[in-house]
């Protein structure tokens, strides 16, 4: 099975460009996400991180009343 796949890849022209395209695409997406995360204000991150705790507190208050 592997010989069959390898034979097909050997017969393709310019196949060596595909790994480079994948690496560039991965790097571009990674850098874009890194920039996006670094630009989020810290207040927004803190409020989002406290959401599960606030929801839990609201549930406890409803149960006690």
N, C-alpha and C. Protein backbone atom coordinates (compact mmCIF):
# COMPACT_ATOMS: atom_id res chain seq x y z
N UNK A 1 0.82 -1.19 0.00
CA UNK A 1 0.00 0.00 0.00
C UNK A 1 0.87 1.25 0.00
N UNK A 2 1.89 1.27 0.84
CA UNK A 2 2.76 2.43 0.91
C UNK A 2 3.53 2.62 -0.38
N UNK A 3 3.94 1.53 -1.02
CA UNK A 3 4.64 1.63 -2.29
C UNK A 3 3.75 2.26 -3.36
N UNK A 4 2.49 1.91 -3.33
CA UNK A 4 1.54 2.46 -4.29
C UNK A 4 1.41 3.97 -4.11
N UNK A 5 1.28 4.41 -2.86
CA UNK A 5 1.16 5.84 -2.57
C UNK A 5 2.45 6.55 -2.93
N UNK A 6 3.58 5.98 -2.56
CA UNK A 6 4.86 6.60 -2.87
C UNK A 6 5.06 6.71 -4.38
N UNK A 7 4.67 5.69 -5.11
CA UNK A 7 4.79 5.73 -6.57
C UNK A 7 3.93 6.86 -7.15
N UNK A 8 2.73 7.03 -6.62
CA UNK A 8 1.86 8.11 -7.11
C UNK A 8 2.45 9.48 -6.79
N UNK A 9 3.01 9.62 -5.61
CA UNK A 9 3.62 10.90 -5.25
C UNK A 9 4.84 11.20 -6.11
N UNK A 10 5.62 10.17 -6.42
CA UNK A 10 6.80 10.37 -7.26
C UNK A 10 6.43 10.82 -8.66
N UNK A 11 5.29 10.39 -9.13
CA UNK A 11 4.89 10.76 -10.49
C UNK A 11 4.26 12.15 -10.56
N UNK A 12 3.94 12.75 -9.43
CA UNK A 12 3.35 14.09 -9.43
C UNK A 12 4.43 15.14 -9.64
N UNK A 13 4.09 16.15 -10.38
CA UNK A 13 5.03 17.24 -10.66
C UNK A 13 4.85 18.33 -9.61
N UNK A 14 5.93 18.88 -9.14
CA UNK A 14 5.95 19.99 -8.17
C UNK A 14 5.23 19.65 -6.86
N UNK A 15 5.34 18.42 -6.41
CA UNK A 15 4.69 18.05 -5.15
C UNK A 15 5.49 18.55 -3.95
N UNK A 16 6.75 18.86 -4.13
CA UNK A 16 7.56 19.30 -2.99
C UNK A 16 7.15 20.67 -2.48
N UNK A 17 6.30 21.38 -3.21
CA UNK A 17 5.85 22.70 -2.76
C UNK A 17 4.76 22.58 -1.68
N UNK A 18 4.03 21.48 -1.65
CA UNK A 18 2.91 21.33 -0.71
C UNK A 18 3.32 21.37 0.76
N UNK A 19 4.39 20.72 1.18
CA UNK A 19 4.79 20.87 2.60
C UNK A 19 5.15 22.31 2.96
N UNK A 20 5.77 23.02 2.02
CA UNK A 20 6.13 24.41 2.29
C UNK A 20 4.87 25.28 2.40
N UNK A 21 3.90 25.04 1.55
CA UNK A 21 2.64 25.79 1.63
C UNK A 21 1.94 25.51 2.96
N UNK A 22 1.94 24.25 3.40
CA UNK A 22 1.31 23.91 4.68
C UNK A 22 2.01 24.60 5.84
N UNK A 23 3.32 24.62 5.82
CA UNK A 23 4.07 25.26 6.89
C UNK A 23 3.79 26.76 6.92
N UNK A 24 3.78 27.39 5.78
CA UNK A 24 3.51 28.83 5.72
C UNK A 24 2.09 29.12 6.18
N UNK A 25 1.14 28.31 5.77
CA UNK A 25 -0.25 28.50 6.18
C UNK A 25 -0.39 28.33 7.70
N UNK A 26 0.22 27.30 8.25
CA UNK A 26 0.17 27.08 9.70
C UNK A 26 0.80 28.26 10.44
N UNK A 27 1.96 28.71 9.98
CA UNK A 27 2.66 29.81 10.63
C UNK A 27 1.82 31.08 10.57
N UNK A 28 1.18 31.34 9.43
CA UNK A 28 0.36 32.54 9.28
C UNK A 28 -0.84 32.50 10.24
N UNK A 29 -1.49 31.36 10.35
CA UNK A 29 -2.64 31.23 11.26
C UNK A 29 -2.17 31.37 12.71
N UNK A 30 -1.04 30.76 13.05
CA UNK A 30 -0.52 30.83 14.41
C UNK A 30 -0.18 32.28 14.78
N UNK A 31 0.51 32.99 13.92
CA UNK A 31 0.89 34.37 14.20
C UNK A 31 -0.36 35.26 14.28
N UNK A 32 -1.33 35.02 13.40
CA UNK A 32 -2.56 35.81 13.44
C UNK A 32 -3.30 35.61 14.76
N UNK A 33 -3.40 34.38 15.22
CA UNK A 33 -4.06 34.12 16.49
C UNK A 33 -3.28 34.71 17.66
N UNK A 34 -1.97 34.64 17.60
CA UNK A 34 -1.13 35.21 18.65
C UNK A 34 -1.34 36.72 18.74
N UNK A 35 -1.36 37.40 17.60
CA UNK A 35 -1.59 38.84 17.59
C UNK A 35 -2.98 39.16 18.10
N UNK A 36 -3.96 38.37 17.70
CA UNK A 36 -5.34 38.60 18.15
C UNK A 36 -5.44 38.46 19.67
N UNK A 37 -4.83 37.44 20.22
CA UNK A 37 -4.88 37.22 21.67
C UNK A 37 -4.13 38.32 22.41
N UNK A 38 -3.02 38.77 21.88
CA UNK A 38 -2.24 39.81 22.56
C UNK A 38 -2.96 41.16 22.54
N UNK A 39 -3.86 41.37 21.59
CA UNK A 39 -4.56 42.65 21.49
C UNK A 39 -5.82 42.72 22.34
N UNK A 40 -6.25 41.61 22.92
CA UNK A 40 -7.45 41.62 23.76
C UNK A 40 -7.13 42.36 25.06
N UNK A 41 -7.97 43.31 25.46
CA UNK A 41 -7.71 44.03 26.72
C UNK A 41 -7.77 43.09 27.92
N UNK A 42 -6.93 43.38 28.91
CA UNK A 42 -6.86 42.53 30.10
C UNK A 42 -8.17 42.54 30.88
N UNK A 43 -8.88 43.65 30.87
CA UNK A 43 -10.16 43.71 31.58
C UNK A 43 -11.15 42.72 30.97
N UNK A 44 -11.12 42.61 29.67
CA UNK A 44 -12.01 41.67 28.99
C UNK A 44 -11.67 40.23 29.36
N UNK A 45 -10.39 39.93 29.42
CA UNK A 45 -9.96 38.58 29.79
C UNK A 45 -10.36 38.27 31.22
N UNK A 46 -10.20 39.24 32.13
CA UNK A 46 -10.58 39.02 33.53
C UNK A 46 -12.08 38.81 33.68
N UNK A 47 -12.87 39.59 32.96
CA UNK A 47 -14.32 39.43 33.06
C UNK A 47 -14.77 38.09 32.48
N UNK A 48 -14.14 37.66 31.40
CA UNK A 48 -14.48 36.37 30.80
C UNK A 48 -14.05 35.23 31.73
N UNK A 49 -12.90 35.38 32.37
CA UNK A 49 -12.43 34.31 33.25
C UNK A 49 -13.29 34.19 34.51
N UNK A 50 -13.96 35.26 34.91
CA UNK A 50 -14.82 35.22 36.09
C UNK A 50 -16.24 34.76 35.79
N UNK A 51 -16.60 34.59 34.53
CA UNK A 51 -17.96 34.18 34.19
C UNK A 51 -18.38 32.86 34.83
N UNK A 52 -17.57 31.83 34.81
CA UNK A 52 -18.02 30.59 35.47
C UNK A 52 -18.26 30.76 36.97
N UNK A 53 -17.46 31.58 37.61
CA UNK A 53 -17.64 31.80 39.04
C UNK A 53 -18.90 32.60 39.32
N UNK A 54 -19.17 33.61 38.51
CA UNK A 54 -20.37 34.41 38.69
C UNK A 54 -21.61 33.57 38.46
N UNK A 55 -21.59 32.72 37.47
CA UNK A 55 -22.74 31.86 37.19
C UNK A 55 -22.98 30.91 38.35
N UNK A 56 -21.91 30.39 38.91
CA UNK A 56 -22.03 29.47 40.04
C UNK A 56 -22.59 30.20 41.26
N UNK A 57 -22.16 31.43 41.50
CA UNK A 57 -22.68 32.21 42.63
C UNK A 57 -24.16 32.49 42.44
N UNK A 58 -24.58 32.79 41.23
CA UNK A 58 -26.00 33.04 40.97
C UNK A 58 -26.82 31.79 41.21
N UNK A 59 -26.32 30.65 40.83
CA UNK A 59 -27.04 29.40 41.07
C UNK A 59 -27.17 29.11 42.56
N UNK A 60 -26.13 29.39 43.32
CA UNK A 60 -26.17 29.16 44.77
C UNK A 60 -27.16 30.11 45.44
N UNK A 61 -27.22 31.35 45.00
CA UNK A 61 -28.16 32.31 45.58
C UNK A 61 -29.60 31.89 45.31
N UNK A 62 -29.89 31.37 44.15
CA UNK A 62 -31.25 30.93 43.83
C UNK A 62 -31.63 29.72 44.67
N UNK A 63 -30.69 28.86 44.94
CA UNK A 63 -30.98 27.66 45.73
C UNK A 63 -31.24 28.02 47.19
N UNK A 64 -30.57 29.05 47.71
CA UNK A 64 -30.72 29.42 49.11
C UNK A 64 -32.03 30.16 49.36
N UNK A 65 -32.55 30.86 48.38
CA UNK A 65 -33.76 31.67 48.58
C UNK A 65 -34.98 30.88 48.46
